[in-house]
Amino acid sequence: MRHPLESIPGEYRQRIFFTFLALTLILFAVFRVLDRPLQTDAAPNGIVSFELAGNPQTARAITDSWKEMSLLLSAVAGQPDANIVNVPYVLAAFGLGIDYLFMPVYALALAFGTLLAARRHDGIIHSIGALAGYGAFAAALFDAVENYTLLQILIGNPQTSYPSIAAFCAVMKFGLILFGSMYALVAWLLPKK
């Protein structure tokens, strides 16, 4: 099995990997800042809690906790209730929007990481690296579907299946990212063939 990025000339691979890795880390830092106001009792892990809600009741509890946070912020700022801007909702929606930029960035970083590790080996270890490379792009596709469903929940679309679709996609995304990351690390540490 060929890695999806194997056609990229070898002399560029490492430079491209480090570029996308740096962009991934920068965007991850942005997400950490955006996620802080989304951490409530109902969503202790912020947006990740929302991604993994799994059912309409839990998703509703999370969005309700964000509304309560917005009311609290409004009261502290001395704004009348009529002028409330739901800050956590805005941050969640903004973060989900930026995530569409993040998807190809982390997918390419992970895919190039698996490529660099796979090229050190042949046989089954190389083939697993190719599979992990495809998995990086599949993770981004699952992430795109997940974000679409989460945005639908935020805008009040009453589809009861959206939280379970989002949770399934999130589990697949995290699993594929973990698989690719673990492969890249282990394959890089294994003695070169």
Foldseek 3Di string as FASTA:
>chain_A
DDAPCVVPDPVCLVVLLVVLVVVLVVLVVVVVVLQVLLDDPLRPPGVVCCLQLQWPVSNVVSVVRLVVSQVVVCVVVVHDPVPTDSSNLVSSLVNLVCVLVSLVSQLSNLLSLLVVLLVLEDDPLVVLSSVLNVLSNLLSVLSNLLSVLSVCVSVPPPPGCSSNSSNVSNVSNVVSSVSSVVSSVVSNPPHGD
